[in-house]
Amino acid sequence: MNTLKAVGLLVLASWLVAPATPAAAQSPAAVQSYDGSKPLLCAMMAMWECDGTGQCERRPVESRNLPTFVIVDAVKRTLIGMGPSEERRTEITSSTRLDGRLILQGGDSGRGWSATIAQNTGKMALAVVDHDVTFSVFGACTPR
């Protein structure tokens, strides 16, 4: 019985002092890659609409015909909005990595847009700008 206790304590002690591997030391989210090297599936969760007078209101994403989910493919330079009945595509005209962020820009239907995705968390902010209104959208992405 004493030998069994000693072996158990030895195993426990070696487990406690063993160096952690990088994958084991990080959370699953930290192991993910949000740098644009793989397509990302992004959910748009909250939106603010601001008019030319500076008045802003929170609105459902669906209220302005924006898709709830977007596929970001920085390698193919496409942004694909997944709507309930249709798929909308737009070109990513600019893509860069800066200070731990993936920054994307483009334009569609007379509006410009810019998105920033944090490379370590996948959190996303998106701005859509027209001549008389802006939309600020917040969401999160995950590798597809």
N, C-alpha and C. Protein backbone atom coordinates (compact mmCIF):
# COMPACT_ATOMS: atom_id res chain seq x y z
N MET A 1 0.82 -1.19 0.00
CA MET A 1 0.00 0.00 0.00
C MET A 1 0.86 1.26 0.00
N ASN A 2 1.96 1.27 0.78
CA ASN A 2 2.85 2.43 0.82
C ASN A 2 3.51 2.66 -0.54
N THR A 3 3.85 1.57 -1.24
CA THR A 3 4.46 1.70 -2.57
C THR A 3 3.48 2.32 -3.55
N LEU A 4 2.21 1.92 -3.48
CA LEU A 4 1.19 2.47 -4.36
C LEU A 4 1.00 3.96 -4.11
N LYS A 5 0.99 4.37 -2.85
CA LYS A 5 0.88 5.80 -2.51
C LYS A 5 2.08 6.57 -3.03
N ALA A 6 3.26 6.01 -2.89
CA ALA A 6 4.48 6.68 -3.35
C ALA A 6 4.47 6.86 -4.86
N VAL A 7 4.04 5.83 -5.60
CA VAL A 7 3.97 5.93 -7.07
C VAL A 7 2.93 6.99 -7.46
N GLY A 8 1.79 6.98 -6.78
CA GLY A 8 0.74 7.96 -7.06
C GLY A 8 1.23 9.39 -6.82
N LEU A 9 1.93 9.60 -5.73
CA LEU A 9 2.48 10.93 -5.43
C LEU A 9 3.54 11.33 -6.44
N LEU A 10 4.35 10.36 -6.86
CA LEU A 10 5.38 10.65 -7.86
C LEU A 10 4.75 11.06 -9.19
N VAL A 11 3.70 10.35 -9.62
CA VAL A 11 3.00 10.69 -10.86
C VAL A 11 2.37 12.08 -10.73
N LEU A 12 1.72 12.35 -9.61
CA LEU A 12 1.10 13.65 -9.40
C LEU A 12 2.14 14.76 -9.39
N ALA A 13 3.25 14.54 -8.73
CA ALA A 13 4.30 15.56 -8.65
C ALA A 13 4.90 15.81 -10.03
N SER A 14 5.11 14.74 -10.82
CA SER A 14 5.69 14.95 -12.16
C SER A 14 4.72 15.68 -13.06
N TRP A 15 3.44 15.45 -12.90
CA TRP A 15 2.43 16.16 -13.69
C TRP A 15 2.38 17.65 -13.32
N LEU A 16 2.53 17.94 -12.04
CA LEU A 16 2.47 19.33 -11.58
C LEU A 16 3.68 20.15 -12.02
N VAL A 17 4.85 19.54 -12.11
CA VAL A 17 6.05 20.30 -12.46
C VAL A 17 6.44 20.17 -13.92
N ALA A 18 5.75 19.31 -14.69
CA ALA A 18 6.09 19.15 -16.12
C ALA A 18 5.75 20.42 -16.87
N PRO A 19 6.62 20.82 -17.81
CA PRO A 19 6.32 22.02 -18.59
C PRO A 19 5.11 21.80 -19.47
N ALA A 20 4.26 22.79 -19.54
CA ALA A 20 3.07 22.71 -20.37
C ALA A 20 3.45 22.92 -21.83
N THR A 21 2.82 22.17 -22.71
CA THR A 21 3.04 22.40 -24.13
C THR A 21 2.29 23.66 -24.53
N PRO A 22 2.72 24.35 -25.60
CA PRO A 22 2.04 25.59 -25.99
C PRO A 22 0.54 25.40 -26.21
N ALA A 23 0.12 24.31 -26.86
CA ALA A 23 -1.31 24.12 -27.11
C ALA A 23 -2.07 23.89 -25.80
N ALA A 24 -1.46 23.18 -24.86
CA ALA A 24 -2.13 22.91 -23.60
C ALA A 24 -2.17 24.16 -22.72
N ALA A 25 -1.21 25.04 -22.89
CA ALA A 25 -1.14 26.22 -22.05
C ALA A 25 -2.11 27.31 -22.49
N GLN A 26 -2.67 27.19 -23.70
CA GLN A 26 -3.55 28.22 -24.21
C GLN A 26 -4.99 27.72 -24.21
N SER A 27 -5.90 28.67 -24.15
CA SER A 27 -7.30 28.31 -24.27
C SER A 27 -7.59 27.92 -25.71
N PRO A 28 -8.69 27.20 -25.98
CA PRO A 28 -9.01 26.83 -27.36
C PRO A 28 -9.16 28.06 -28.26
N ALA A 29 -9.70 29.16 -27.75
CA ALA A 29 -9.86 30.36 -28.57
C ALA A 29 -8.51 30.94 -28.96
N ALA A 30 -7.54 30.86 -28.06
CA ALA A 30 -6.22 31.42 -28.35
C ALA A 30 -5.49 30.62 -29.41
N VAL A 31 -5.80 29.33 -29.53
CA VAL A 31 -5.16 28.48 -30.52
C VAL A 31 -5.71 28.77 -31.91
N GLN A 32 -6.94 29.26 -32.01
CA GLN A 32 -7.57 29.57 -33.29
C GLN A 32 -6.79 30.67 -34.01
N SER A 33 -6.94 30.71 -35.33
CA SER A 33 -6.29 31.73 -36.13
C SER A 33 -7.34 32.62 -36.78
N TYR A 34 -7.31 33.90 -36.50
CA TYR A 34 -8.24 34.87 -37.07
C TYR A 34 -7.47 35.87 -37.94
N ASP A 35 -6.39 35.41 -38.57
CA ASP A 35 -5.52 36.32 -39.30
C ASP A 35 -5.86 36.44 -40.78
N GLY A 36 -6.91 35.74 -41.24
CA GLY A 36 -7.30 35.82 -42.63
C GLY A 36 -6.67 34.76 -43.51
N SER A 37 -5.81 33.91 -42.95
CA SER A 37 -5.17 32.86 -43.75
C SER A 37 -6.17 31.77 -44.12
N LYS A 38 -7.26 31.67 -43.36
CA LYS A 38 -8.34 30.73 -43.65
C LYS A 38 -9.64 31.53 -43.67
N PRO A 39 -10.64 31.05 -44.44
CA PRO A 39 -11.94 31.75 -44.42
C PRO A 39 -12.52 31.80 -43.00
N LEU A 40 -13.22 32.88 -42.70
CA LEU A 40 -13.85 33.08 -41.40
C LEU A 40 -15.36 33.17 -41.58
N LEU A 41 -16.10 32.60 -40.67
CA LEU A 41 -17.55 32.77 -40.61
C LEU A 41 -17.82 33.77 -39.50
N CYS A 42 -18.44 34.89 -39.87
CA CYS A 42 -18.67 35.96 -38.90
C CYS A 42 -20.17 36.17 -38.68
N ALA A 43 -20.56 36.32 -37.45
CA ALA A 43 -21.95 36.61 -37.09
C ALA A 43 -22.04 38.08 -36.71
N MET A 44 -22.99 38.78 -37.35
CA MET A 44 -23.21 40.19 -37.02
C MET A 44 -24.30 40.23 -35.95
N MET A 45 -23.93 40.74 -34.75
CA MET A 45 -24.80 40.61 -33.60
C MET A 45 -25.49 41.90 -33.16
N ALA A 46 -24.86 43.04 -33.36
CA ALA A 46 -25.45 44.30 -32.91
C ALA A 46 -25.15 45.38 -33.94
N MET A 47 -26.12 46.29 -34.15
CA MET A 47 -25.93 47.34 -35.15
C MET A 47 -26.50 48.67 -34.64
N TRP A 48 -25.76 49.73 -34.94
CA TRP A 48 -26.20 51.09 -34.68
C TRP A 48 -26.28 51.81 -36.02
N GLU A 49 -27.37 52.54 -36.24
CA GLU A 49 -27.55 53.34 -37.46
C GLU A 49 -27.55 54.81 -37.06
N CYS A 50 -26.70 55.60 -37.74
CA CYS A 50 -26.60 57.02 -37.44
C CYS A 50 -26.91 57.82 -38.71
N ASP A 51 -27.77 58.84 -38.57
CA ASP A 51 -28.11 59.65 -39.74
C ASP A 51 -27.23 60.90 -39.80
N GLY A 52 -27.45 61.72 -40.83
CA GLY A 52 -26.64 62.91 -41.05
C GLY A 52 -26.73 63.97 -39.97
N THR A 53 -27.75 63.90 -39.11
CA THR A 53 -27.88 64.87 -38.03
C THR A 53 -27.13 64.43 -36.78
N GLY A 54 -26.58 63.21 -36.82
CA GLY A 54 -25.86 62.69 -35.66
C GLY A 54 -26.72 61.85 -34.74
N GLN A 55 -27.98 61.64 -35.09
CA GLN A 55 -28.87 60.81 -34.29
C GLN A 55 -28.59 59.34 -34.59
N CYS A 56 -28.40 58.56 -33.52
CA CYS A 56 -28.09 57.14 -33.68
C CYS A 56 -29.12 56.30 -32.94
N GLU A 57 -29.45 55.15 -33.55
CA GLU A 57 -30.38 54.21 -32.93
C GLU A 57 -29.87 52.79 -33.14
N ARG A 58 -30.07 51.99 -32.11
CA ARG A 58 -29.75 50.57 -32.25
C ARG A 58 -30.87 49.91 -33.04
N ARG A 59 -30.49 49.07 -33.99
CA ARG A 59 -31.46 48.40 -34.84
C ARG A 59 -31.05 46.93 -35.01
N PRO A 60 -32.04 46.08 -35.30
CA PRO A 60 -31.69 44.69 -35.64
C PRO A 60 -30.91 44.68 -36.96
N VAL A 61 -29.94 43.81 -37.08
CA VAL A 61 -29.14 43.71 -38.30
C VAL A 61 -30.04 43.48 -39.51
N GLU A 62 -31.06 42.67 -39.35
CA GLU A 62 -31.96 42.33 -40.45
C GLU A 62 -32.80 43.51 -40.92
N SER A 63 -32.94 44.55 -40.10
CA SER A 63 -33.81 45.68 -40.45
C SER A 63 -33.32 46.46 -41.66
N ARG A 64 -32.04 46.36 -41.98
CA ARG A 64 -31.48 47.09 -43.12
C ARG A 64 -30.96 46.14 -44.20
N ASN A 65 -31.55 44.97 -44.24
CA ASN A 65 -31.22 43.99 -45.27
C ASN A 65 -29.74 43.58 -45.24
N LEU A 66 -29.14 43.63 -44.06
CA LEU A 66 -27.78 43.14 -43.89
C LEU A 66 -27.85 41.66 -43.51
N PRO A 67 -26.93 40.87 -44.00
CA PRO A 67 -26.96 39.44 -43.64
C PRO A 67 -26.55 39.24 -42.19
N THR A 68 -27.08 38.20 -41.58
CA THR A 68 -26.71 37.87 -40.20
C THR A 68 -25.33 37.23 -40.16
N PHE A 69 -25.00 36.46 -41.20
CA PHE A 69 -23.71 35.79 -41.27
C PHE A 69 -22.96 36.22 -42.53
N VAL A 70 -21.64 36.35 -42.39
CA VAL A 70 -20.78 36.74 -43.50
C VAL A 70 -19.58 35.80 -43.52
N ILE A 71 -19.22 35.35 -44.71
CA ILE A 71 -17.99 34.57 -44.88
C ILE A 71 -16.92 35.52 -45.39
N VAL A 72 -15.84 35.64 -44.65
CA VAL A 72 -14.72 36.50 -45.03
C VAL A 72 -13.62 35.60 -45.57
N ASP A 73 -13.26 35.80 -46.83
CA ASP A 73 -12.17 35.04 -47.43
C ASP A 73 -11.13 36.04 -47.92
N ALA A 74 -10.18 36.37 -47.05
CA ALA A 74 -9.16 37.37 -47.37
C ALA A 74 -8.23 36.88 -48.48
N VAL A 75 -8.03 35.57 -48.58
CA VAL A 75 -7.15 35.02 -49.61
C VAL A 75 -7.77 35.20 -50.99
N LYS A 76 -9.06 34.89 -51.12
CA LYS A 76 -9.77 35.06 -52.40
C LYS A 76 -10.33 36.47 -52.57
N ARG A 77 -10.17 37.29 -51.52
CA ARG A 77 -10.60 38.69 -51.53
C ARG A 77 -12.11 38.83 -51.77
N THR A 78 -12.89 38.00 -51.07
CA THR A 78 -14.34 38.07 -51.18
C THR A 78 -14.99 38.11 -49.81
N LEU A 79 -16.10 38.81 -49.77
CA LEU A 79 -16.97 38.87 -48.60
C LEU A 79 -18.32 38.36 -49.08
N ILE A 80 -18.84 37.31 -48.46
CA ILE A 80 -20.08 36.69 -48.90
C ILE A 80 -21.10 36.79 -47.78
N GLY A 81 -22.17 37.54 -48.02
CA GLY A 81 -23.24 37.66 -47.06
C GLY A 81 -24.23 36.53 -47.24
N MET A 82 -24.53 35.84 -46.15
CA MET A 82 -25.44 34.70 -46.20
C MET A 82 -26.81 35.14 -45.69
N GLY A 83 -27.70 35.47 -46.62
CA GLY A 83 -29.06 35.87 -46.26
C GLY A 83 -29.99 34.69 -46.23
N PRO A 84 -31.23 34.89 -45.77
CA PRO A 84 -32.18 33.78 -45.69
C PRO A 84 -32.55 33.23 -47.06
N SER A 85 -32.55 34.07 -48.08
CA SER A 85 -32.98 33.58 -49.40
C SER A 85 -31.93 33.79 -50.49
N GLU A 86 -30.88 34.52 -50.20
CA GLU A 86 -29.90 34.78 -51.24
C GLU A 86 -28.49 34.92 -50.66
N GLU A 87 -27.53 34.85 -51.56
CA GLU A 87 -26.13 35.03 -51.21
C GLU A 87 -25.64 36.29 -51.92
N ARG A 88 -25.04 37.21 -51.17
CA ARG A 88 -24.51 38.44 -51.77
C ARG A 88 -23.00 38.45 -51.64
N ARG A 89 -22.32 38.81 -52.72
CA ARG A 89 -20.85 38.84 -52.75
C ARG A 89 -20.39 40.27 -53.00
N THR A 90 -19.25 40.59 -52.40
CA THR A 90 -18.57 41.84 -52.70
C THR A 90 -17.07 41.60 -52.61
N GLU A 91 -16.34 42.41 -53.32
CA GLU A 91 -14.89 42.28 -53.36
C GLU A 91 -14.24 42.98 -52.17
N ILE A 92 -13.24 42.35 -51.60
CA ILE A 92 -12.39 43.00 -50.61
C ILE A 92 -11.29 43.69 -51.41
N THR A 93 -11.32 45.02 -51.43
CA THR A 93 -10.34 45.76 -52.24
C THR A 93 -9.04 46.01 -51.51
N SER A 94 -9.07 45.94 -50.18
CA SER A 94 -7.87 46.16 -49.38
C SER A 94 -7.89 45.22 -48.19
N SER A 95 -6.77 44.57 -47.95
CA SER A 95 -6.63 43.66 -46.82
C SER A 95 -5.23 43.82 -46.25
N THR A 96 -5.16 44.05 -44.95
CA THR A 96 -3.85 44.21 -44.31
C THR A 96 -3.93 43.70 -42.87
N ARG A 97 -2.78 43.37 -42.32
CA ARG A 97 -2.66 43.01 -40.91
C ARG A 97 -1.86 44.11 -40.22
N LEU A 98 -2.41 44.63 -39.14
CA LEU A 98 -1.76 45.73 -38.44
C LEU A 98 -2.05 45.64 -36.95
N ASP A 99 -1.01 45.60 -36.14
CA ASP A 99 -1.13 45.62 -34.68
C ASP A 99 -2.11 44.56 -34.15
N GLY A 100 -2.02 43.34 -34.68
CA GLY A 100 -2.87 42.26 -34.19
C GLY A 100 -4.29 42.30 -34.72
N ARG A 101 -4.51 43.04 -35.77
CA ARG A 101 -5.84 43.16 -36.36
C ARG A 101 -5.79 42.83 -37.84
N LEU A 102 -6.84 42.19 -38.35
CA LEU A 102 -7.04 42.01 -39.77
C LEU A 102 -7.97 43.13 -40.21
N ILE A 103 -7.51 43.97 -41.12
CA ILE A 103 -8.30 45.14 -41.55
C ILE A 103 -8.66 44.93 -43.01
N LEU A 104 -9.98 45.01 -43.28
CA LEU A 104 -10.52 44.78 -44.62
C LEU A 104 -11.33 45.99 -45.05
N GLN A 105 -11.29 46.30 -46.35
CA GLN A 105 -12.07 47.42 -46.86
C GLN A 105 -12.62 47.08 -48.24
N GLY A 106 -13.72 47.75 -48.60
CA GLY A 106 -14.32 47.56 -49.90
C GLY A 106 -15.47 48.52 -50.10
N GLY A 107 -16.24 48.28 -51.13
CA GLY A 107 -17.39 49.11 -51.44
C GLY A 107 -18.42 48.30 -52.19
N ASP A 108 -19.70 48.68 -52.03
CA ASP A 108 -20.78 47.97 -52.70
C ASP A 108 -22.01 48.86 -52.70
N SER A 109 -22.71 48.91 -53.82
CA SER A 109 -23.97 49.66 -53.94
C SER A 109 -23.81 51.11 -53.52
N GLY A 110 -22.71 51.74 -53.89
CA GLY A 110 -22.50 53.15 -53.56
C GLY A 110 -22.08 53.42 -52.13
N ARG A 111 -21.82 52.40 -51.38
CA ARG A 111 -21.40 52.55 -49.97
C ARG A 111 -20.00 51.99 -49.81
N GLY A 112 -19.24 52.60 -48.91
CA GLY A 112 -17.93 52.07 -48.54
C GLY A 112 -18.06 51.31 -47.23
N TRP A 113 -17.18 50.35 -47.02
CA TRP A 113 -17.19 49.61 -45.76
C TRP A 113 -15.76 49.30 -45.32
N SER A 114 -15.60 49.15 -44.03
CA SER A 114 -14.32 48.81 -43.44
C SER A 114 -14.59 47.89 -42.24
N ALA A 115 -13.83 46.82 -42.14
CA ALA A 115 -14.00 45.88 -41.03
C ALA A 115 -12.66 45.62 -40.37
N THR A 116 -12.69 45.44 -39.07
CA THR A 116 -11.51 45.10 -38.29
C THR A 116 -11.83 43.86 -37.47
N ILE A 117 -10.96 42.85 -37.57
CA ILE A 117 -11.14 41.61 -36.82
C ILE A 117 -9.90 41.40 -35.95
N ALA A 118 -10.11 41.26 -34.65
CA ALA A 118 -8.98 41.02 -33.74
C ALA A 118 -8.45 39.61 -34.00
N GLN A 119 -7.14 39.51 -34.28
CA GLN A 119 -6.54 38.23 -34.63
C GLN A 119 -6.49 37.26 -33.46
N ASN A 120 -6.54 37.74 -32.23
CA ASN A 120 -6.44 36.84 -31.08
C ASN A 120 -7.80 36.40 -30.53
N THR A 121 -8.89 37.12 -30.86
CA THR A 121 -10.21 36.76 -30.32
C THR A 121 -11.27 36.52 -31.37
N GLY A 122 -11.10 37.07 -32.57
CA GLY A 122 -12.12 36.96 -33.60
C GLY A 122 -13.22 38.00 -33.49
N LYS A 123 -13.13 38.88 -32.50
CA LYS A 123 -14.15 39.93 -32.38
C LYS A 123 -14.03 40.89 -33.55
N MET A 124 -15.20 41.35 -34.05
CA MET A 124 -15.23 42.14 -35.27
C MET A 124 -16.04 43.42 -35.08
N ALA A 125 -15.56 44.48 -35.74
CA ALA A 125 -16.33 45.72 -35.86
C ALA A 125 -16.34 46.07 -37.34
N LEU A 126 -17.50 46.50 -37.83
CA LEU A 126 -17.69 46.80 -39.24
C LEU A 126 -18.40 48.14 -39.35
N ALA A 127 -17.91 49.00 -40.24
CA ALA A 127 -18.58 50.28 -40.51
C ALA A 127 -18.97 50.31 -41.98
N VAL A 128 -20.22 50.68 -42.23
CA VAL A 128 -20.72 50.87 -43.59
C VAL A 128 -21.11 52.33 -43.69
N VAL A 129 -20.58 53.02 -44.74
CA VAL A 129 -20.77 54.46 -44.84
C VAL A 129 -21.44 54.81 -46.16
N ASP A 130 -22.51 55.59 -46.08
CA ASP A 130 -23.18 56.14 -47.25
C ASP A 130 -23.11 57.66 -47.14
N HIS A 131 -23.65 58.38 -48.09
CA HIS A 131 -23.56 59.84 -48.06
C HIS A 131 -24.42 60.46 -46.96
N ASP A 132 -25.43 59.74 -46.47
CA ASP A 132 -26.32 60.34 -45.47
C ASP A 132 -26.59 59.44 -44.26
N VAL A 133 -25.89 58.32 -44.17
CA VAL A 133 -26.13 57.40 -43.05
C VAL A 133 -24.88 56.53 -42.86
N THR A 134 -24.66 56.12 -41.62
CA THR A 134 -23.59 55.16 -41.32
C THR A 134 -24.17 54.03 -40.48
N PHE A 135 -23.55 52.87 -40.60
CA PHE A 135 -23.93 51.71 -39.80
C PHE A 135 -22.68 51.20 -39.09
N SER A 136 -22.79 51.00 -37.81
CA SER A 136 -21.71 50.38 -37.03
C SER A 136 -22.22 49.03 -36.57
N VAL A 137 -21.53 47.97 -36.98
CA VAL A 137 -21.95 46.62 -36.69
C VAL A 137 -20.86 45.92 -35.87
N PHE A 138 -21.28 45.16 -34.88
CA PHE A 138 -20.35 44.43 -34.04
C PHE A 138 -20.70 42.95 -34.06
N GLY A 139 -19.67 42.12 -34.06
CA GLY A 139 -19.92 40.69 -34.11
C GLY A 139 -18.68 39.90 -33.75
N ALA A 140 -18.68 38.63 -34.16
CA ALA A 140 -17.55 37.74 -33.85
C ALA A 140 -17.39 36.75 -34.99
N CYS A 141 -16.14 36.32 -35.18
CA CYS A 141 -15.79 35.41 -36.27
C CYS A 141 -15.16 34.14 -35.72
N THR A 142 -15.25 33.08 -36.50
CA THR A 142 -14.60 31.83 -36.18
C THR A 142 -14.07 31.23 -37.48
N PRO A 143 -12.95 30.52 -37.44
CA PRO A 143 -12.47 29.88 -38.67
C PRO A 143 -13.51 28.92 -39.22
N ARG A 144 -13.64 28.93 -40.53
CA ARG A 144 -14.65 28.10 -41.18
C ARG A 144 -14.08 26.75 -41.53
